[in-house]
């Protein structure tokens, strides 16, 4: 195995545990949004504005629904897809790993993760 290579300044998800995520050299408690250049607390599924601000900067949002996969709110998905952001919902650990892999490929991605 070899370490994953990321572009200079790229911010991967470094780890997670019950109620927190580690990304960009910081620990964030609760939901988190990581967009390739930064990591920040996120207001959860009701915080459409923060996700909508990614329009034009990302192509795909990996939406981590917590410990298990769940269906995201249809209105959230429709609003983001209307802005040109494809949404892929999965469990948060899977979303974090998928985000890291596609980030290492240089793709325009972000992940919004609900805590475990």
N, C-alpha and C. Protein backbone atom coordinates (compact mmCIF):
# COMPACT_ATOMS: atom_id res chain seq x y z
N UNK A 1 0.83 -1.18 0.00
CA UNK A 1 0.00 0.00 0.00
C UNK A 1 0.88 1.24 0.00
N UNK A 2 0.37 2.31 -0.57
CA UNK A 2 1.09 3.57 -0.55
C UNK A 2 0.14 4.67 -0.11
N UNK A 3 0.65 5.72 0.47
CA UNK A 3 -0.22 6.80 0.92
C UNK A 3 -0.95 7.44 -0.27
N UNK A 4 -2.11 7.97 -0.01
CA UNK A 4 -2.88 8.65 -1.04
C UNK A 4 -2.27 10.01 -1.31
N UNK A 5 -2.18 10.36 -2.59
CA UNK A 5 -1.66 11.66 -2.97
C UNK A 5 -2.82 12.60 -3.24
N UNK A 6 -2.77 13.78 -2.65
CA UNK A 6 -3.77 14.81 -2.86
C UNK A 6 -3.08 16.03 -3.44
N UNK A 7 -3.81 16.83 -4.21
CA UNK A 7 -3.27 18.08 -4.73
C UNK A 7 -2.92 18.99 -3.55
N UNK A 8 -1.97 19.87 -3.76
CA UNK A 8 -1.57 20.81 -2.71
C UNK A 8 -2.79 21.58 -2.21
N UNK A 9 -2.95 21.62 -0.92
CA UNK A 9 -4.05 22.36 -0.30
C UNK A 9 -5.36 21.59 -0.19
N UNK A 10 -5.44 20.39 -0.77
CA UNK A 10 -6.68 19.62 -0.70
C UNK A 10 -6.92 19.14 0.73
N UNK A 11 -8.17 19.10 1.12
CA UNK A 11 -8.54 18.72 2.49
C UNK A 11 -9.32 17.41 2.47
N UNK A 12 -8.69 16.29 2.83
CA UNK A 12 -9.41 15.03 2.94
C UNK A 12 -10.03 14.89 4.34
N UNK A 13 -10.90 13.91 4.48
CA UNK A 13 -11.42 13.54 5.79
C UNK A 13 -10.39 12.60 6.39
N UNK A 14 -9.82 12.98 7.53
CA UNK A 14 -8.75 12.20 8.16
C UNK A 14 -9.26 11.13 9.11
N UNK A 15 -10.45 11.32 9.65
CA UNK A 15 -10.98 10.34 10.59
C UNK A 15 -12.35 10.76 11.08
N UNK A 16 -12.98 9.85 11.84
CA UNK A 16 -14.29 10.13 12.39
C UNK A 16 -14.54 9.18 13.55
N UNK A 17 -15.50 9.53 14.35
CA UNK A 17 -15.89 8.71 15.49
C UNK A 17 -17.26 9.15 15.95
N UNK A 18 -17.73 8.63 17.06
CA UNK A 18 -19.06 8.99 17.53
C UNK A 18 -19.18 10.50 17.76
N UNK A 19 -19.94 11.17 16.90
CA UNK A 19 -20.23 12.58 17.09
C UNK A 19 -19.20 13.56 16.55
N UNK A 20 -18.13 13.10 15.89
CA UNK A 20 -17.11 14.04 15.40
C UNK A 20 -16.48 13.55 14.10
N UNK A 21 -15.86 14.52 13.41
CA UNK A 21 -15.06 14.23 12.21
C UNK A 21 -13.75 14.99 12.34
N UNK A 22 -12.70 14.46 11.74
CA UNK A 22 -11.40 15.14 11.71
C UNK A 22 -11.04 15.39 10.25
N UNK A 23 -10.86 16.68 9.92
CA UNK A 23 -10.52 17.06 8.54
C UNK A 23 -9.80 18.39 8.58
N UNK A 24 -8.86 18.55 7.69
CA UNK A 24 -8.15 19.83 7.60
C UNK A 24 -7.41 20.21 8.88
N UNK A 25 -6.96 19.21 9.62
CA UNK A 25 -6.21 19.48 10.84
C UNK A 25 -7.06 19.91 12.02
N UNK A 26 -8.36 19.76 11.91
CA UNK A 26 -9.24 20.15 13.03
C UNK A 26 -10.27 19.08 13.30
N UNK A 27 -10.76 19.08 14.52
CA UNK A 27 -11.85 18.18 14.91
C UNK A 27 -13.12 19.01 14.93
N UNK A 28 -14.14 18.53 14.23
CA UNK A 28 -15.42 19.21 14.17
C UNK A 28 -16.47 18.29 14.76
N UNK A 29 -17.14 18.76 15.80
CA UNK A 29 -18.20 17.98 16.43
C UNK A 29 -19.52 18.24 15.72
N UNK A 30 -20.29 17.19 15.51
CA UNK A 30 -21.56 17.32 14.80
C UNK A 30 -21.36 17.15 13.31
N UNK A 31 -22.30 17.66 12.54
CA UNK A 31 -22.25 17.53 11.08
C UNK A 31 -21.13 18.39 10.52
N UNK A 32 -20.55 17.94 9.39
CA UNK A 32 -19.41 18.63 8.79
C UNK A 32 -19.59 18.69 7.27
N UNK A 33 -19.07 19.76 6.69
CA UNK A 33 -19.00 19.91 5.24
C UNK A 33 -17.53 20.06 4.87
N UNK A 34 -17.04 19.18 3.99
CA UNK A 34 -15.66 19.24 3.52
C UNK A 34 -15.73 19.39 2.01
N UNK A 35 -15.13 20.47 1.50
CA UNK A 35 -15.30 20.76 0.07
C UNK A 35 -14.01 20.71 -0.74
N UNK A 36 -13.00 20.09 -0.24
CA UNK A 36 -11.74 19.99 -0.98
C UNK A 36 -10.74 21.05 -0.58
N UNK A 37 -11.22 22.23 -0.22
CA UNK A 37 -10.33 23.31 0.19
C UNK A 37 -10.51 23.68 1.65
N UNK A 38 -11.61 23.24 2.28
CA UNK A 38 -11.85 23.59 3.67
C UNK A 38 -12.80 22.59 4.31
N UNK A 39 -12.82 22.62 5.63
CA UNK A 39 -13.75 21.82 6.42
C UNK A 39 -14.43 22.77 7.40
N UNK A 40 -15.75 22.61 7.55
CA UNK A 40 -16.48 23.49 8.45
C UNK A 40 -17.68 22.77 9.03
N UNK A 41 -18.16 23.26 10.15
CA UNK A 41 -19.39 22.74 10.73
C UNK A 41 -20.51 23.00 9.73
N UNK A 42 -21.47 22.08 9.69
CA UNK A 42 -22.59 22.19 8.77
C UNK A 42 -23.87 22.03 9.58
N UNK A 43 -24.91 22.76 9.21
CA UNK A 43 -26.16 22.75 9.95
C UNK A 43 -27.06 21.56 9.72
N UNK A 44 -26.62 20.60 8.95
CA UNK A 44 -27.42 19.40 8.71
C UNK A 44 -28.35 19.54 7.53
N UNK A 45 -29.29 18.63 7.42
CA UNK A 45 -30.14 18.53 6.24
C UNK A 45 -31.01 19.77 6.00
N UNK A 46 -31.22 20.59 7.03
CA UNK A 46 -32.00 21.81 6.87
C UNK A 46 -31.16 22.98 6.38
N UNK A 47 -29.86 22.79 6.26
CA UNK A 47 -28.93 23.86 5.88
C UNK A 47 -28.64 23.81 4.38
N UNK A 48 -29.64 24.09 3.57
CA UNK A 48 -29.48 24.07 2.12
C UNK A 48 -28.57 25.18 1.64
N UNK A 49 -28.62 26.34 2.27
CA UNK A 49 -27.84 27.48 1.82
C UNK A 49 -26.35 27.22 1.76
N UNK A 50 -25.82 26.54 2.76
CA UNK A 50 -24.39 26.23 2.78
C UNK A 50 -24.02 25.30 1.63
N UNK A 51 -24.88 24.33 1.35
CA UNK A 51 -24.62 23.41 0.24
C UNK A 51 -24.80 24.10 -1.11
N UNK A 52 -25.82 24.95 -1.21
CA UNK A 52 -26.07 25.66 -2.47
C UNK A 52 -24.90 26.57 -2.83
N UNK A 53 -24.18 27.07 -1.83
CA UNK A 53 -23.03 27.94 -2.09
C UNK A 53 -21.91 27.21 -2.83
N UNK A 54 -21.98 25.89 -2.88
CA UNK A 54 -20.97 25.10 -3.60
C UNK A 54 -21.23 25.04 -5.10
N UNK A 55 -22.38 25.53 -5.56
CA UNK A 55 -22.74 25.47 -6.97
C UNK A 55 -21.65 26.15 -7.81
N UNK A 56 -21.26 25.46 -8.87
CA UNK A 56 -20.21 25.95 -9.76
C UNK A 56 -18.81 25.57 -9.32
N UNK A 57 -18.67 25.14 -8.06
CA UNK A 57 -17.35 24.73 -7.54
C UNK A 57 -17.19 23.23 -7.46
N UNK A 58 -18.32 22.51 -7.35
CA UNK A 58 -18.26 21.04 -7.29
C UNK A 58 -19.25 20.46 -8.28
N UNK A 59 -19.03 19.20 -8.62
CA UNK A 59 -19.95 18.48 -9.50
C UNK A 59 -20.76 17.44 -8.71
N UNK A 60 -20.15 16.88 -7.68
CA UNK A 60 -20.79 15.81 -6.91
C UNK A 60 -20.66 16.10 -5.42
N UNK A 61 -21.78 15.88 -4.70
CA UNK A 61 -21.79 15.97 -3.25
C UNK A 61 -22.09 14.59 -2.70
N UNK A 62 -21.16 14.05 -1.91
CA UNK A 62 -21.39 12.78 -1.21
C UNK A 62 -22.06 13.13 0.11
N UNK A 63 -23.30 12.71 0.26
CA UNK A 63 -24.11 13.05 1.42
C UNK A 63 -24.13 11.88 2.39
N UNK A 64 -23.43 12.02 3.50
CA UNK A 64 -23.38 10.98 4.52
C UNK A 64 -24.55 11.12 5.47
N UNK A 65 -25.39 10.10 5.52
CA UNK A 65 -26.63 10.16 6.28
C UNK A 65 -26.51 9.62 7.71
N UNK A 66 -25.29 9.48 8.21
CA UNK A 66 -25.09 8.97 9.56
C UNK A 66 -24.52 7.57 9.52
N UNK A 67 -24.83 6.79 10.53
CA UNK A 67 -24.25 5.45 10.66
C UNK A 67 -24.75 4.48 9.59
N UNK A 68 -25.94 4.72 9.05
CA UNK A 68 -26.51 3.81 8.05
C UNK A 68 -27.05 4.64 6.89
N UNK A 69 -27.17 4.00 5.74
CA UNK A 69 -27.71 4.71 4.58
C UNK A 69 -29.19 5.01 4.83
N UNK A 70 -29.61 6.16 4.39
CA UNK A 70 -31.01 6.56 4.49
C UNK A 70 -31.31 7.44 3.28
N UNK A 71 -32.57 7.56 2.98
CA UNK A 71 -32.98 8.38 1.84
C UNK A 71 -32.96 9.85 2.28
N UNK A 72 -32.26 10.70 1.53
CA UNK A 72 -32.23 12.13 1.87
C UNK A 72 -33.56 12.79 1.48
N UNK A 73 -33.85 13.95 2.05
CA UNK A 73 -35.08 14.65 1.68
C UNK A 73 -35.11 14.95 0.17
N UNK A 74 -36.20 14.60 -0.48
CA UNK A 74 -36.31 14.77 -1.92
C UNK A 74 -36.17 16.23 -2.34
N UNK A 75 -36.69 17.16 -1.52
CA UNK A 75 -36.60 18.58 -1.89
C UNK A 75 -35.15 19.07 -1.84
N UNK A 76 -34.35 18.55 -0.92
CA UNK A 76 -32.93 18.91 -0.84
C UNK A 76 -32.19 18.42 -2.09
N UNK A 77 -32.42 17.18 -2.46
CA UNK A 77 -31.78 16.60 -3.64
C UNK A 77 -32.19 17.37 -4.89
N UNK A 78 -33.49 17.65 -5.03
CA UNK A 78 -33.98 18.37 -6.22
C UNK A 78 -33.37 19.76 -6.31
N UNK A 79 -33.28 20.46 -5.17
CA UNK A 79 -32.72 21.81 -5.18
C UNK A 79 -31.25 21.79 -5.59
N UNK A 80 -30.48 20.85 -5.07
CA UNK A 80 -29.06 20.77 -5.40
C UNK A 80 -28.86 20.34 -6.86
N UNK A 81 -29.63 19.38 -7.31
CA UNK A 81 -29.51 18.96 -8.71
C UNK A 81 -29.91 20.08 -9.65
N UNK A 82 -30.86 20.92 -9.23
CA UNK A 82 -31.23 22.08 -10.02
C UNK A 82 -30.10 23.09 -10.14
N UNK A 83 -29.17 23.05 -9.19
CA UNK A 83 -27.99 23.93 -9.22
C UNK A 83 -26.80 23.26 -9.91
N UNK A 84 -27.01 22.06 -10.43
CA UNK A 84 -25.93 21.35 -11.12
C UNK A 84 -25.05 20.51 -10.22
N UNK A 85 -25.52 20.21 -9.00
CA UNK A 85 -24.76 19.38 -8.06
C UNK A 85 -25.43 18.01 -7.96
N UNK A 86 -24.75 16.98 -8.42
CA UNK A 86 -25.27 15.63 -8.29
C UNK A 86 -25.10 15.17 -6.84
N UNK A 87 -26.11 14.54 -6.28
CA UNK A 87 -26.09 14.09 -4.88
C UNK A 87 -26.06 12.57 -4.83
N UNK A 88 -25.09 12.05 -4.08
CA UNK A 88 -24.99 10.61 -3.84
C UNK A 88 -25.11 10.39 -2.34
N UNK A 89 -26.21 9.80 -1.89
CA UNK A 89 -26.43 9.55 -0.47
C UNK A 89 -25.92 8.17 -0.09
N UNK A 90 -25.28 8.10 1.07
CA UNK A 90 -24.76 6.83 1.59
C UNK A 90 -24.50 7.02 3.08
N UNK A 91 -24.06 6.00 3.76
CA UNK A 91 -23.67 6.12 5.16
C UNK A 91 -22.46 7.06 5.26
N UNK A 92 -22.34 7.79 6.36
CA UNK A 92 -21.25 8.76 6.49
C UNK A 92 -19.86 8.16 6.35
N UNK A 93 -19.55 6.99 6.95
CA UNK A 93 -18.21 6.43 6.73
C UNK A 93 -17.92 6.15 5.25
N UNK A 94 -18.91 5.63 4.54
CA UNK A 94 -18.74 5.34 3.12
C UNK A 94 -18.59 6.64 2.33
N UNK A 95 -19.37 7.65 2.68
CA UNK A 95 -19.28 8.94 1.98
C UNK A 95 -17.90 9.57 2.18
N UNK A 96 -17.36 9.47 3.39
CA UNK A 96 -16.03 10.04 3.66
C UNK A 96 -14.96 9.33 2.84
N UNK A 97 -15.01 8.01 2.79
CA UNK A 97 -14.02 7.26 2.01
C UNK A 97 -14.15 7.54 0.52
N UNK A 98 -15.38 7.58 0.02
CA UNK A 98 -15.61 7.83 -1.40
C UNK A 98 -15.14 9.24 -1.77
N UNK A 99 -15.42 10.20 -0.90
CA UNK A 99 -14.95 11.57 -1.11
C UNK A 99 -13.42 11.59 -1.20
N UNK A 100 -12.74 10.94 -0.26
CA UNK A 100 -11.27 10.94 -0.27
C UNK A 100 -10.71 10.36 -1.56
N UNK A 101 -11.29 9.26 -2.03
CA UNK A 101 -10.79 8.63 -3.25
C UNK A 101 -10.99 9.55 -4.44
N UNK A 102 -12.18 10.12 -4.58
CA UNK A 102 -12.42 10.98 -5.74
C UNK A 102 -11.66 12.29 -5.63
N UNK A 103 -11.44 12.78 -4.43
CA UNK A 103 -10.60 13.98 -4.23
C UNK A 103 -9.18 13.70 -4.70
N UNK A 104 -8.66 12.51 -4.40
CA UNK A 104 -7.30 12.16 -4.81
C UNK A 104 -7.17 12.06 -6.33
N UNK A 105 -8.29 11.86 -7.01
CA UNK A 105 -8.30 11.81 -8.48
C UNK A 105 -8.38 13.22 -9.09
N UNK A 106 -8.47 14.23 -8.23
CA UNK A 106 -8.54 15.60 -8.71
C UNK A 106 -9.93 16.05 -9.12
N UNK A 107 -10.95 15.33 -8.72
CA UNK A 107 -12.32 15.67 -9.12
C UNK A 107 -12.90 16.76 -8.23
N UNK A 108 -13.90 17.46 -8.73
CA UNK A 108 -14.56 18.55 -8.01
C UNK A 108 -15.69 17.98 -7.15
N UNK A 109 -15.34 17.61 -5.91
CA UNK A 109 -16.28 16.93 -5.03
C UNK A 109 -16.30 17.58 -3.66
N UNK A 110 -17.34 17.27 -2.91
CA UNK A 110 -17.46 17.67 -1.51
C UNK A 110 -18.21 16.56 -0.80
N UNK A 111 -18.14 16.58 0.54
CA UNK A 111 -18.97 15.66 1.31
C UNK A 111 -19.59 16.43 2.46
N UNK A 112 -20.85 16.15 2.69
CA UNK A 112 -21.60 16.69 3.82
C UNK A 112 -21.98 15.48 4.67
N UNK A 113 -21.49 15.44 5.89
CA UNK A 113 -21.59 14.23 6.70
C UNK A 113 -22.35 14.47 7.99
N UNK A 114 -23.39 13.68 8.22
CA UNK A 114 -24.07 13.69 9.50
C UNK A 114 -23.30 12.79 10.44
N UNK A 115 -23.25 13.13 11.74
CA UNK A 115 -22.44 12.34 12.67
C UNK A 115 -22.97 10.94 12.88
N UNK A 116 -22.08 10.07 13.33
CA UNK A 116 -22.44 8.67 13.63
C UNK A 116 -23.14 8.61 14.96
